[in-house]
Every structure is written in C-alpha cells, then in structure tokens.
Protein backbone atom coordinates (compact mmCIF):
# COMPACT_ATOMS: atom_id res chain seq x y z
CA MET A 1 -40.04 88.07 -86.18
CA THR A 2 -39.36 84.25 -87.58
CA PRO A 3 -36.04 83.27 -89.75
CA SER A 4 -37.96 82.32 -92.39
CA ARG A 5 -39.64 86.16 -92.37
CA ASN A 6 -35.63 87.28 -93.20
CA LEU A 7 -33.71 84.47 -95.00
CA ALA A 8 -34.38 87.17 -98.05
CA SER A 9 -33.28 89.52 -96.73
CA TRP A 10 -30.44 87.81 -95.41
CA THR A 11 -29.29 86.07 -98.21
CA LEU A 12 -28.93 89.69 -99.67
CA LEU A 13 -27.01 90.61 -97.28
CA CYS A 14 -24.53 87.75 -97.40
CA LEU A 15 -24.12 87.50 -101.13
CA ALA A 16 -23.04 91.04 -101.22
CA LEU A 17 -20.67 90.35 -98.23
CA VAL A 18 -18.67 87.98 -100.87
CA GLY A 19 -16.12 89.85 -102.35
CA CYS A 20 -16.19 92.63 -105.36
CA GLY A 21 -14.22 91.05 -108.31
CA GLU A 22 -11.67 92.68 -110.09
CA SER A 23 -10.76 96.27 -108.18
CA ARG A 24 -11.14 98.90 -110.31
CA LEU A 25 -7.00 99.73 -110.21
CA THR A 26 -6.59 96.04 -111.64
CA VAL A 27 -8.71 96.53 -114.54
CA GLU A 28 -7.10 100.12 -115.08
CA LEU A 29 -3.56 99.39 -114.42
CA ARG A 30 -3.81 96.54 -117.32
CA ASP A 31 -5.81 99.23 -119.66
CA GLN A 32 -3.50 101.61 -119.26
CA THR A 33 -0.74 99.54 -120.19
CA ARG A 34 -2.20 97.72 -123.03
CA ASP A 35 -3.10 101.19 -124.39
CA SER A 36 0.93 102.66 -123.61
CA ASP A 37 -0.26 105.05 -121.40
CA LEU A 38 2.88 104.52 -119.41
CA ALA A 39 3.40 107.08 -117.00
CA ALA A 40 -0.11 106.73 -115.97
CA ALA A 41 0.11 102.86 -115.29
CA ARG A 42 3.16 103.64 -113.21
CA ILE A 43 0.87 106.10 -110.90
CA THR A 44 -1.98 103.27 -110.92
CA ALA A 45 0.78 100.30 -109.52
CA GLY A 46 1.84 102.69 -106.51
CA LYS A 47 -1.63 103.26 -105.89
CA LEU A 48 -2.50 99.38 -106.21
CA TYR A 49 0.70 98.67 -104.33
CA SER A 50 1.08 100.81 -101.45
CA SER A 51 0.91 97.76 -98.30
CA ASN A 52 4.32 96.96 -97.49
CA ASP A 53 2.89 93.35 -97.76
CA ASP A 54 2.55 93.98 -101.70
CA ARG A 55 6.28 95.12 -101.55
CA LEU A 56 7.34 92.55 -104.18
CA LEU A 57 4.84 92.73 -106.65
CA ALA A 58 5.36 97.13 -106.36
CA GLY A 59 8.79 96.43 -107.65
CA MET A 60 7.83 93.67 -110.21
CA GLU A 61 5.40 96.46 -111.83
CA GLN A 62 7.19 99.45 -111.87
CA GLY A 63 10.18 98.03 -112.95
CA LEU A 64 8.65 96.19 -116.29
CA LEU A 65 6.47 99.69 -116.71
CA ALA A 66 9.90 101.54 -116.57
CA HIS A 67 11.66 98.73 -118.62
CA LEU A 68 8.47 99.80 -121.38
CA GLN A 69 9.40 103.30 -120.97
CA GLY A 70 12.91 102.27 -121.78
CA ASP A 71 14.22 103.50 -118.89
CA THR A 72 16.63 100.87 -118.31
CA ALA A 73 18.64 102.62 -115.65
CA GLY A 74 15.49 102.64 -113.79
CA SER A 75 14.28 99.38 -114.04
CA ASP A 76 17.15 98.12 -113.35
CA GLN A 77 17.13 100.34 -109.58
CA GLN A 78 13.31 98.58 -109.17
CA LEU A 79 14.61 94.96 -110.55
CA GLU A 80 17.99 94.89 -108.31
CA ALA A 81 16.08 95.85 -105.51
CA ILE A 82 13.46 93.34 -105.11
CA ALA A 83 16.32 90.29 -106.00
CA PRO A 84 17.28 89.73 -102.75
CA LEU A 85 13.74 90.22 -102.20
CA VAL A 86 12.84 86.83 -104.13
CA ASP A 87 15.58 85.05 -102.03
CA GLU A 88 14.07 85.67 -98.78
CA LEU A 89 10.23 85.03 -99.77
CA ARG A 90 11.16 81.98 -100.78
CA GLY A 91 11.23 81.20 -97.22
CA SER A 92 8.35 80.02 -94.88
CA HIS A 93 7.01 82.52 -92.82
CA VAL A 94 4.95 81.12 -89.80
CA GLY A 95 3.05 84.70 -89.31
CA ASP A 96 1.84 85.12 -92.66
CA ALA A 97 0.30 80.86 -92.41
CA VAL A 98 -1.10 81.71 -88.92
CA LEU A 99 -2.92 84.65 -90.40
CA THR A 100 -4.00 82.87 -93.46
CA ALA A 101 -4.73 80.13 -91.21
CA VAL A 102 -7.60 81.71 -89.51
CA TYR A 103 -8.42 85.02 -91.03
CA ASN A 104 -7.70 84.48 -95.61
CA ASP A 105 -4.81 84.23 -97.50
CA THR A 106 -4.79 87.88 -98.48
CA ALA A 107 -3.37 88.96 -94.99
CA SER A 108 -0.44 86.75 -96.35
CA THR A 109 2.87 89.29 -97.55
CA TYR A 110 3.13 87.98 -100.71
CA VAL A 111 5.88 85.69 -102.06
CA GLY A 112 5.03 85.50 -105.78
CA LYS A 113 5.11 82.22 -108.37
CA PRO A 114 7.91 80.59 -109.30
CA PHE A 115 7.58 81.90 -113.08
CA GLU A 116 7.52 85.77 -112.15
CA HIS A 117 10.73 84.69 -109.93
CA THR A 118 12.39 83.93 -113.49
CA GLN A 119 11.13 86.67 -114.75
CA VAL A 120 12.76 89.55 -112.22
CA ASP A 121 16.00 88.74 -113.31
CA TYR A 122 14.48 87.97 -117.04
CA TYR A 123 14.03 91.63 -117.17
CA ARG A 124 17.42 92.65 -115.42
CA THR A 125 19.20 90.53 -117.96
CA LEU A 126 17.21 92.30 -121.04
CA ASN A 127 18.03 95.61 -119.39
CA GLN A 128 21.63 95.10 -119.79
CA LEU A 129 21.55 93.58 -123.33
CA ILE A 130 19.30 96.30 -124.27
CA THR A 131 21.28 99.16 -122.81
CA ALA A 132 24.89 97.78 -124.17
CA GLU A 133 24.41 97.38 -127.83
CA ARG A 134 22.71 100.99 -127.66
CA ALA A 135 26.11 102.19 -126.05
CA ASP A 136 27.76 100.23 -128.58
CA GLY A 137 25.32 101.44 -131.54
CA ARG A 138 24.13 97.47 -132.13
CA TRP A 139 20.47 98.27 -131.98
CA LEU A 140 18.74 101.97 -132.17
CA PRO A 141 15.27 101.23 -131.56
CA ALA A 142 12.34 103.17 -132.31
CA SER A 143 10.21 102.10 -129.31
CA ILE A 144 9.59 98.99 -127.09
CA VAL A 145 5.96 99.81 -126.95
CA PRO A 146 3.60 101.11 -129.65
CA MET A 147 3.19 105.43 -130.02
CA PRO A 148 2.44 108.10 -129.36
CA LYS A 149 1.46 107.70 -125.83
CA ALA A 150 4.97 105.26 -124.52
CA ALA A 151 8.07 108.15 -124.29
CA MET A 152 10.76 107.77 -126.28
CA VAL A 153 13.21 105.86 -125.95
CA PRO A 154 15.92 107.65 -124.15
CA ALA A 155 18.89 108.97 -126.19
CA VAL A 156 22.20 106.78 -125.13
CA THR A 157 26.00 108.11 -125.84
CA ALA A 158 28.04 105.63 -127.53
CA ASP A 159 30.20 104.34 -125.15
CA PRO A 160 31.81 100.71 -126.41
CA HIS A 161 34.24 100.34 -123.51
CA ALA A 162 30.50 101.07 -121.07
CA ALA A 163 28.81 98.36 -123.40
CA ALA A 164 31.39 95.67 -123.01
CA LYS A 165 30.45 95.87 -119.28
CA TYR A 166 26.76 95.72 -119.79
CA TYR A 167 26.79 92.59 -121.71
CA GLU A 168 28.88 91.02 -119.15
CA LYS A 169 26.41 91.86 -116.74
CA ALA A 170 23.78 90.45 -118.93
CA VAL A 171 25.52 87.52 -118.72
CA ILE A 172 25.73 87.61 -114.78
CA ILE A 173 22.23 88.44 -114.59
CA ALA A 174 21.55 85.68 -116.82
CA ARG A 175 23.65 82.44 -114.73
CA ARG A 176 21.66 84.07 -111.74
CA MET A 177 18.20 83.72 -113.30
CA THR A 178 19.06 79.75 -114.82
CA LEU A 179 21.40 78.04 -112.09
CA ASN A 180 19.70 79.67 -109.02
CA GLN A 181 16.50 80.60 -109.73
CA LEU A 182 15.65 77.91 -111.40
CA LYS A 183 17.39 74.78 -109.59
CA GLU A 184 14.92 76.81 -106.58
CA THR A 185 11.95 76.06 -109.19
CA ALA A 186 12.93 72.86 -109.72
CA ASP A 187 13.37 72.04 -106.22
CA ALA A 188 10.16 73.52 -104.75
CA ALA A 189 8.45 71.67 -107.46
CA GLY A 190 7.21 68.55 -106.60
CA GLY A 191 4.06 67.10 -108.66
CA LYS A 192 3.65 70.68 -110.12
CA ARG A 193 3.25 70.63 -114.15
CA TYR A 194 5.70 73.75 -114.10
CA ASP A 195 8.77 72.80 -112.77
CA ASP A 196 11.18 74.50 -115.55
CA ASP A 197 11.54 77.08 -117.91
CA PRO A 198 13.85 76.69 -121.03
CA PHE A 199 13.06 80.00 -122.70
CA ALA A 200 14.85 81.39 -120.19
CA ARG A 201 17.73 78.81 -120.51
CA LEU A 202 17.37 80.15 -124.03
CA LEU A 203 17.92 84.15 -123.40
CA THR A 204 21.07 83.14 -121.60
CA ALA A 205 23.02 81.43 -124.44
CA ILE A 206 21.50 84.03 -126.65
CA ALA A 207 23.46 86.59 -123.97
CA VAL A 208 26.38 84.70 -124.49
CA LEU A 209 25.96 84.76 -128.51
CA ALA A 210 25.12 88.55 -128.19
CA LEU A 211 29.25 88.90 -126.99
CA ASP A 212 31.83 89.69 -129.15
CA PRO A 213 33.09 85.98 -130.33
CA ALA A 214 36.85 87.65 -129.29
CA GLN A 215 35.90 88.21 -126.17
CA ARG A 216 33.85 84.71 -125.36
CA THR A 217 36.27 83.14 -122.70
CA GLU A 218 36.01 79.03 -122.06
CA SER A 219 33.65 79.92 -119.78
CA ASP A 220 31.16 81.71 -121.53
CA GLN A 221 31.21 78.88 -124.24
CA GLN A 222 30.91 76.34 -121.43
CA LEU A 223 27.61 78.03 -120.02
CA ALA A 224 25.98 78.59 -123.74
CA THR A 225 26.60 74.75 -124.35
CA ALA A 226 24.79 73.54 -121.25
CA MET A 227 21.65 76.48 -121.49
CA LEU A 228 21.42 75.32 -125.43
CA THR A 229 21.44 71.34 -124.23
CA ARG A 230 19.17 72.18 -121.33
CA ALA A 231 16.60 74.16 -122.90
CA MET A 232 16.05 71.31 -125.43
CA THR A 233 15.47 69.62 -123.19
CA SER A 234 13.02 71.13 -121.34
CA TYR A 235 11.34 72.70 -124.10
CA GLN A 236 10.29 68.64 -124.22
CA SER A 237 9.54 68.10 -120.96
CA GLN A 238 7.33 70.93 -120.33
CA HIS A 239 5.44 70.70 -123.30
CA ALA A 240 4.68 66.93 -122.53
CA ALA A 241 3.91 68.13 -118.61
CA LEU A 242 1.54 71.14 -119.94
CA ASN A 243 -0.36 69.45 -122.48
CA ALA A 244 -1.19 66.89 -120.38
CA GLY A 245 -4.53 66.87 -118.99
CA SER A 246 -4.63 70.54 -120.01
CA ALA A 247 -8.10 71.04 -120.68
CA ASN A 248 -8.10 74.51 -118.72
CA PHE A 249 -5.37 75.92 -120.82
CA ARG A 250 -3.38 76.02 -124.37
CA TYR A 251 0.55 75.46 -124.16
CA GLU A 252 1.52 76.86 -127.16
CA THR A 253 5.12 76.29 -127.39
CA ALA A 254 6.58 73.99 -129.92
CA ALA A 255 8.43 70.88 -128.65
CA ALA A 256 11.54 71.56 -130.73
CA PRO A 257 11.58 75.72 -130.95
CA ALA A 258 13.24 76.29 -134.85
CA ILE A 259 15.33 79.14 -133.12
CA ALA A 260 16.27 76.85 -130.25
CA SER A 261 17.34 74.49 -132.39
CA THR A 262 19.16 76.02 -135.17
CA LEU A 263 21.37 78.46 -132.04
CA TYR A 264 22.09 74.83 -130.38
CA LEU A 265 23.36 73.39 -133.24
CA ARG A 266 25.26 76.12 -134.48
CA HIS A 267 26.88 76.56 -131.26
CA LEU A 268 27.63 73.10 -131.65
CA HIS A 269 29.39 73.74 -135.14
CA GLY A 270 31.71 75.79 -133.76
CA TYR A 271 32.35 74.36 -130.66
CA ASP A 272 32.45 70.68 -129.72
CA PRO A 273 31.87 69.43 -134.33
CA GLU A 274 32.20 65.66 -132.53
CA PHE A 275 28.86 66.17 -130.67
CA PHE A 276 27.22 68.42 -133.26
CA VAL A 277 27.13 65.28 -135.40
CA SER A 278 26.24 62.71 -133.94
CA GLU A 279 23.34 65.39 -132.67
CA VAL A 280 22.25 66.76 -135.27
CA ALA A 281 21.46 62.71 -136.79
CA ARG A 282 19.43 62.40 -133.65
CA LEU A 283 17.73 65.15 -134.72
CA GLY A 284 17.05 64.03 -138.24
CA MET A 285 18.31 66.54 -139.46
CA THR A 286 21.69 66.38 -142.94
CA ALA A 287 24.45 67.86 -142.41
CA ASN A 288 24.46 70.26 -145.15
CA ASP A 289 21.01 71.86 -143.73
CA PRO A 290 21.73 75.88 -144.25
CA ARG A 291 20.63 76.62 -140.98
CA LEU A 292 22.76 74.80 -138.86
CA VAL A 293 25.87 76.58 -140.49
CA LEU A 294 25.90 80.85 -140.47
CA PRO A 295 26.71 82.05 -143.68
CA ALA A 296 30.18 83.77 -144.00
CA GLY A 297 30.37 87.02 -143.09
CA SER A 298 27.05 87.69 -141.71
CA GLY A 299 25.85 87.51 -138.25
CA SER A 300 21.75 87.16 -136.75
CA VAL A 301 19.20 89.23 -135.50
CA VAL A 302 16.91 88.02 -132.91
CA VAL A 303 13.42 89.61 -132.88
CA LEU A 304 11.28 89.12 -129.13
CA ASN A 305 8.00 90.02 -129.36
CA HIS A 306 6.23 89.72 -125.91
CA VAL A 307 2.01 89.79 -126.91
CA GLY A 308 -0.60 90.93 -124.82
CA LEU A 309 -1.15 90.46 -120.97
CA ILE A 310 -0.96 87.70 -119.06
CA THR A 311 -3.96 85.87 -117.73
CA HIS A 312 -4.94 87.47 -113.88
CA PRO A 313 -6.69 85.34 -111.49
CA GLN A 314 -10.95 86.37 -110.51
CA PRO A 315 -12.60 85.11 -107.79
CA LEU A 316 -14.92 82.74 -107.88
CA GLN A 317 -17.50 82.70 -105.39
CA ILE A 318 -19.24 80.50 -104.01
CA GLY A 319 -22.32 80.24 -101.45
CA ILE A 320 -23.67 77.59 -99.64
CA ALA A 321 -27.36 77.81 -98.32
CA ALA A 322 -28.65 75.86 -95.61
CA ILE A 323 -32.20 76.00 -94.17
CA GLY A 324 -33.31 73.33 -90.76
CA PHE A 325 -36.85 73.72 -89.09
CA SER A 326 -37.93 71.00 -86.54
CA SER A 327 -40.70 70.53 -83.90
CA PRO A 328 -39.46 70.34 -80.15
CA ASP A 329 -39.63 66.65 -80.19
CA SER A 330 -38.12 66.04 -83.86
CA THR A 331 -41.65 64.47 -84.59
CA THR A 332 -43.94 66.84 -86.26
CA PHE A 333 -42.07 67.51 -88.88
CA ASN A 334 -37.93 68.05 -89.26
CA TRP A 335 -36.70 68.79 -92.58
CA GLY A 336 -33.61 70.81 -94.07
CA GLY A 337 -30.98 70.95 -96.68
CA ILE A 338 -27.92 72.73 -97.55
CA THR A 339 -27.48 73.83 -101.66
CA PHE A 340 -24.78 75.56 -103.23
CA PHE A 341 -24.97 78.71 -105.43
CA ALA A 342 -21.36 80.36 -107.23
CA LYS A 343 -20.40 83.14 -109.00
CA GLY A 344 -17.71 84.23 -111.26
CA PRO A 345 -15.64 82.69 -113.84
CA GLY A 346 -16.32 78.67 -114.10
CA SER A 347 -19.15 78.96 -111.94
CA GLU A 348 -21.77 76.63 -114.59
CA VAL A 349 -19.84 73.79 -112.38
CA ALA A 350 -22.62 74.96 -109.28
CA ARG A 351 -25.20 73.33 -111.56
CA THR A 352 -23.93 70.03 -111.28
CA TRP A 353 -24.20 70.27 -107.44
CA ILE A 354 -26.59 68.33 -106.08
CA ALA A 355 -29.05 70.15 -103.21
CA LEU A 356 -28.70 68.05 -100.09
CA PRO A 357 -31.31 66.78 -97.79
CA ILE A 358 -30.29 66.62 -94.11
CA PRO A 359 -33.09 66.38 -91.17
CA GLY A 360 -33.77 70.12 -90.16
CA ASP A 361 -32.59 68.96 -86.11
CA VAL A 362 -28.48 68.57 -87.50
CA VAL A 363 -28.88 71.85 -89.73
CA GLN A 364 -29.81 73.51 -86.65
CA LYS A 365 -27.38 71.71 -84.22
CA CYS A 366 -24.94 72.23 -86.55
CA LEU A 367 -24.93 74.77 -88.62
CA ALA A 368 -27.95 76.75 -88.32
CA PRO A 369 -29.14 77.20 -85.20
CA GLY A 370 -31.28 79.99 -86.51
CA GLY A 371 -32.71 77.96 -88.61
CA ALA A 372 -31.56 79.07 -91.81
CA THR A 373 -27.78 80.08 -93.11
CA ILE A 374 -26.02 81.09 -95.74
CA ILE A 375 -21.88 80.85 -95.91
CA GLY A 376 -19.89 82.34 -98.46
CA PHE A 377 -16.04 82.69 -99.89
CA GLU A 378 -13.92 82.36 -102.54
CA ILE A 379 -11.07 81.03 -104.57
CA PRO A 380 -8.85 82.84 -107.23
CA VAL A 381 -9.81 81.15 -110.96
CA HIS A 382 -9.04 82.25 -114.48
CA ALA A 383 -11.24 83.00 -117.17
CA PRO A 384 -10.97 80.54 -119.79
CA ASP A 385 -7.99 80.40 -122.38
CA SER A 386 -8.73 81.41 -125.89
CA PRO A 387 -6.31 81.02 -128.77
CA TRP A 388 -4.06 83.65 -129.69
CA GLY A 389 -3.68 84.61 -133.61
CA ILE A 390 -1.00 84.02 -136.00
CA PRO A 391 2.39 85.18 -134.74
CA ALA A 392 4.07 88.45 -136.32
CA THR A 393 6.16 88.49 -139.30
CA VAL A 394 9.58 90.21 -138.42
CA THR A 395 11.31 91.76 -141.70
CA ALA A 396 14.46 92.54 -141.29
CA GLY A 397 17.20 93.65 -144.49
CA GLY A 398 14.71 92.64 -147.11
CA ILE A 399 14.29 89.35 -145.37
CA SER A 400 10.56 88.19 -144.23
CA THR A 401 10.33 85.33 -141.74
CA ALA A 402 7.84 84.25 -139.09
CA SER A 403 7.76 84.35 -135.58
CA GLU A 404 6.91 81.40 -133.69
CA VAL A 405 5.89 81.03 -129.10
CA VAL A 406 8.92 80.25 -127.89
CA CYS A 407 7.80 81.46 -124.07
CA ASP A 408 3.92 80.93 -123.00
CA LEU A 409 3.82 82.54 -119.69
CA ASP A 410 0.15 82.41 -119.71
CA ALA A 411 0.50 78.44 -120.06
CA TYR A 412 2.90 78.67 -116.74
CA ALA A 413 0.44 81.45 -114.52
CA ARG A 414 -2.67 78.83 -115.51
CA SER A 415 -1.20 75.49 -114.74
CA THR A 416 0.64 76.65 -111.36
CA LEU A 417 -2.68 78.33 -110.47
CA LYS A 418 -4.54 74.82 -111.28
CA ASP A 419 -1.94 72.87 -109.24
CA ASP A 420 -2.19 75.21 -106.53
CA GLN A 421 -5.94 74.87 -106.30
CA PRO A 422 -6.67 71.88 -104.55
CA HIS A 423 -4.69 73.07 -101.20
CA VAL A 424 -5.94 76.48 -101.50
CA LEU A 425 -9.47 75.23 -102.03
CA LEU A 426 -8.70 72.23 -98.60
CA LYS A 427 -7.53 75.30 -96.65
CA THR A 428 -10.40 77.86 -97.37
CA LEU A 429 -12.95 74.84 -96.36
CA ILE A 430 -11.64 73.37 -93.19
CA ARG A 431 -11.11 77.80 -92.62
CA VAL A 432 -14.80 78.59 -93.04
CA ALA A 433 -15.99 75.29 -91.33
CA ALA A 434 -14.03 76.71 -88.27
CA LYS A 435 -15.38 80.21 -88.62
CA GLN A 436 -18.87 78.51 -88.71
CA THR A 437 -18.68 76.43 -86.24
CA LEU A 438 -17.83 79.83 -83.69
CA VAL A 439 -20.97 81.10 -85.14
CA ALA A 440 -22.91 78.21 -84.83
CA LEU A 441 -21.67 77.09 -80.63
CA GLY A 442 -22.57 81.15 -80.01
CA ALA A 443 -26.13 81.34 -81.42
CA SER A 444 -26.58 77.59 -80.01
CA ALA A 445 -25.62 79.34 -76.90
CA ALA A 446 -27.69 82.15 -76.70
CA HIS A 447 -30.68 79.87 -78.13
CA GLN A 448 -30.60 77.99 -74.35
CA GLY A 449 -33.55 80.38 -72.91
CA ASN A 450 -35.90 78.23 -74.78
CA ASN A 451 -38.01 80.84 -75.32
CA GLU A 452 -39.64 83.57 -78.49
CA SER A 453 -36.59 86.16 -77.39
CA ALA A 454 -33.76 83.90 -77.12
CA GLU A 455 -34.71 82.62 -80.44
CA ILE A 456 -34.44 85.90 -82.03
CA LEU A 457 -31.20 86.22 -80.35
CA SER A 458 -30.15 83.10 -81.72
CA PHE A 459 -30.89 83.96 -85.36
CA ALA A 460 -28.73 87.48 -84.69
CA ILE A 461 -26.24 85.91 -83.94
CA ASN A 462 -25.65 83.36 -86.80
CA LEU A 463 -26.69 86.03 -88.81
CA VAL A 464 -24.10 88.62 -87.76
CA GLY A 465 -21.33 86.05 -87.34
CA SER A 466 -22.45 84.13 -90.94
CA ALA A 467 -21.94 87.48 -92.79
CA VAL A 468 -19.12 88.69 -90.93
CA ALA A 469 -17.83 85.15 -91.36
CA THR A 470 -18.34 85.62 -95.35
CA ALA A 471 -17.20 89.70 -95.66
CA THR A 472 -13.61 88.11 -94.19
CA GLU A 473 -13.01 85.34 -97.11
CA SER A 474 -11.84 87.20 -100.45
CA ALA A 475 -9.68 85.35 -102.25
CA ASP A 476 -6.37 85.97 -103.13
CA LEU A 477 -6.35 87.89 -106.52
CA ARG A 478 -2.35 89.17 -106.49
CA ALA A 479 -0.35 88.70 -109.47
CA TRP A 480 2.05 90.08 -111.57
CA LEU A 481 -0.23 91.71 -113.49
CA THR A 482 2.03 93.55 -116.33
CA LEU A 483 3.08 90.44 -117.54
CA PRO A 484 3.06 89.46 -121.53
CA ASP A 485 0.92 86.58 -122.25
CA HIS A 486 3.62 85.16 -124.11
CA VAL A 487 6.52 85.94 -125.96
CA GLU A 488 7.60 85.28 -130.11
CA ALA A 489 10.60 84.92 -131.60
CA SER A 490 12.18 85.00 -135.00
CA LEU A 491 16.37 84.84 -136.45
CA ILE A 492 16.99 86.02 -139.35
CA ASP A 493 20.47 86.24 -140.81
CA LEU A 494 22.01 88.90 -142.46
CA PRO A 495 25.29 90.14 -143.84
CA ALA A 496 27.42 92.23 -142.12
CA GLY A 497 26.19 96.20 -142.26
CA THR A 498 23.19 98.44 -140.76
CA HIS A 499 19.96 97.33 -141.68
CA SER A 500 16.26 98.17 -140.97
CA VAL A 501 13.99 96.05 -138.87
CA SER A 502 10.27 96.10 -138.77
CA ILE A 503 7.81 93.68 -137.41
CA ALA A 504 3.92 93.12 -138.49
CA THR A 505 1.31 92.32 -135.90
CA ALA A 506 -2.27 92.04 -136.11
CA ASN A 507 -2.25 95.64 -135.17
CA GLY A 508 -0.46 96.76 -138.60
CA PRO A 509 2.94 97.10 -138.88
CA ARG A 510 6.40 99.10 -137.03
CA ASP A 511 9.34 100.44 -137.22
CA LEU A 512 11.83 98.88 -134.65
CA GLY A 513 15.20 101.16 -135.41
CA THR A 514 18.13 99.39 -137.12
CA VAL A 515 20.42 97.20 -136.75
CA GLN A 516 24.01 97.07 -136.66
CA VAL A 517 25.42 93.14 -137.55
CA THR A 518 28.55 91.71 -137.35
CA PRO A 519 29.80 88.91 -137.90
CA GLY A 520 29.04 85.93 -135.91
CA ARG A 521 27.23 87.80 -133.78
CA LEU A 522 23.80 87.88 -132.40
CA THR A 523 22.00 91.33 -131.82
CA VAL A 524 18.98 91.23 -129.73
CA VAL A 525 16.18 93.32 -130.74
CA THR A 526 13.18 93.70 -127.89
CA ILE A 527 9.28 94.44 -128.68
CA ARG A 528 6.26 94.75 -126.41
CA SER A 529 2.91 94.37 -128.87
CA PHE A 530 -0.89 94.42 -127.48
CA PRO A 531 -3.47 93.05 -129.94
CA ALA A 532 -6.23 94.29 -129.79
CA HIS A 533 -8.81 94.60 -126.97
C-alpha cells in the first residue's frame, strides 16, 4: 500500500467532504415565496431556522412572510420580538469569535448584516402604515402578493381613532430606523461601501407625510425636513460609492430619484419657503416646474413595488492538492508541488492560478507526511449579477406613470459580502493552515518508525485528518432569503376622492385595490411582485 495508489480515492473522498452547496430547504423557501405559497414557506422557514443561533433569521423570515400574507399583526409580533435582539447582536461575542477561529463561521450566532437590521424596522413601519390606512379606509388592498396561493388580506374594522395611533407608531418606528439603526450602521461601516440607506430616510418622510396635515406637529415637520434633506445627499453618496469599482454588481438606483427630489422640494415649499427657493436654484430647476407644488385640492399616492428576491450567498469550494516524493537522502529524486481547483460561482478564477513546484521533502515535512494531501475549504460568494427589466407602470385614477428604482437591496448585499470577503478569506486560510499543521505534526510523529507500517500509519493519519479538517470547513451562507431584490416607487397626484390603482409588471397587470385621496396628504400602497423564474 503506497500513497500514490490511494491518491485517486483520497481525492474523491476529500471532494465529497467539501460542502454540498445550497440546502434543499433554502431552495424551497425561495421558490415557495416566489410562487406566493406563503403558508408552505412559513413551515419551511421554521424547519430551516430551528437552531437557537438562527433566532434572528427565524424572526426576520417569519415576520416578512406574515407581512406578505397581509397579517400585519402577526408580522409585528415577529419583528417586534427581534428588534431588541438586533441591538444586542450588534455587540461583540467572544465565544462566537473563538468558535469561528477553531471550527468555522457557521458555528456562531447569526448577527445579521447592517442592511438587514434596517429592514426589520422598515417592515415594522410598513405594517403600521398599512394597518392605519385600512382602518381609516384610505387604502383597501386587493392583495399584497399575487393570488391564488397567497391568503386574502384579512378584513379590518374601520376605526379612525385607532388609525391615528397606527400612523403615530409608524413615525416612531421610522425614527428608530433612521436615528438609531442607520447611525450605528454608519459608525461601524469603516471603509465599507454600504454605510447609509437613503430609501429608509425617504420612507420616514413618507410616513410623516401620510399623517393628516392638521395632526402634524412641529417635530414631525422637522423630522420630514431632516430625512428628505439627508436622503438627497445619501442617494448621491451611495450612488458614488457603489458605482466605484463595482464590476461585481450593478447599483440600479439613480443619484437623485425623481420621487425624492419632488417630495423634498414640495415639503420645503410649504415648510421653509426661503430655503425652497435656494434649493430649486441649486438643483437647476425652475420655480414654475409643476412637480414642485401639489395642485390645489389634490393629494398623492405613492406605490412601493418590492420586486423579486435578493441574491443569496453560495459556496465557492476551493481545494489545494499537494504531492511530494523524495528519496531518503533527497538526492536520487526530490519532486513535488501544489495545485488548486475550485467549484462554484466565480470558480473560473482557479484556471488562472499557477501550479507551484515545491521540493518533495518540503511537502512531506510541512503539508503531507504521507506524500499527498488535499485540503478543502469554502467561502461565501454571490452568483454573477444580471440587470432587471423595465420598471413597472402604475395607473391610478386614469393616470399612468413609470416606476423608478429607489432602493437596490441586492447591491447592498453584494457590496457587503464583497467588502467582508478579504477578512473572511484571511480568517479561513489561517484556520485551515492551523488545522493542517496539526494534522501534519501528527502524521510526522507516526512516521518516525521509518518502516512500511509507519509510512502507512502516517498516510492514514494525514488522510483522515485532512478529511476531517475539510469536512469542518463550510461557508456561512446564512442570509435573509425572502427580502426583495429592489424596491420601485411611483408618485401620482390625484384629485380628492376614491380611485382605483393597478400596476403593470413583466408578468402582466394587477389590481391593487382602491385609495381614498385627501388634499395635501400621501396614501401609501405596497405590493410584492415576482418576475418569471
């Protein structure tokens, strides 16, 4: 029995032990969400996130799925329960750091990504707005997601007094989202490209503008001013940051979305006329631009279309094969080397890696006392990005307008992972090197007998040890899987009264229900659409 005779079987064993890609439950959860089979999706999410370490993800998924079912109360219950957990998990966890250093990143409690933290309060805010509008009859939705598998939106008893409380709570949660979550995101960003969420700030202003104008306090007006002002600058800064060197993804949000600039200037027109004049000039617009002033007796409808499914991490499997043989005195022959292979998104880069010749005795002493070894590990990556089609067209009261992308969550996910990858790769390589060093030391100790039995034992220790080390290297693929790829928005001005709303997507038209338009006030309509597979 010699190392060379067992190299092929050993190779197959190690390859089999390097991860297994996406889990069946991950695929099922995303497919069921895309197909609007939400009851089944909630069951699948329960199976997928059964570990206590994944309790944050469990609450995120269940909260969003309940929201899509129109169960705003159930969604709130899930999301409110994990809101304190978001704050808790932002801190450091020494125990988790030790586990990830000696085992792998999946051994730690999932703490979430900064953009995911923001989305917890984002959907809490939407829940309050939807409930308020249904309670006072401002939006009577047909459905949040496509029929027929999605449950019908539960009926709500009209209650204007309760509606006022829901509107107020929406503003309170939106304040927390922007003043707390985004502040912590910016503080922790360092050199990372994603450090702000302008759409979250825009939504906070929208929540204020959805209030009855007579009930807006000075504090509300100041909040709307601050959020719209900051949204304008944040859209520009994020556009610059995420488009700089972003060969790995597309950032599909404009530097100044029309809905943001329109609401910004309209609010200034009524709240701070002097600043309004200077901002109109700065933005290169004219004072008589019809977009800048809401027509008398009219209100506005904002339609937020949450499109598709966000990208999710997949494993890039990387293997390092080392072979080395030498005569006892290293003079008759002494040859060896290492080579690389990869499997998964981006694996074509492995073709550019060069096989390195290394003296056989060096390979045997440092990596493979038995003469050959394969070391495998994984890192999380994203599949190549692809552009989306033409945004949806919204029709309300007989007026049609094209939507625009106001939030590119997919780009946030891709940039976050890309910025984290150097740290993840370095930590993984150090961990893999440490594991293989321990294996090599054990195999070398067994080889001291300097006979055929010792050689076989050394080879077996190296084989089993490398296989175990490889088996413990799995990429951390955890993520909030049911978030949308991006959010599109449209703004339509309508005269006071009741109007029907519909949307035309790549999959055809959909009825969004009816809205009650009030002068000087926003009505918010939300929808989730899924392009064809």
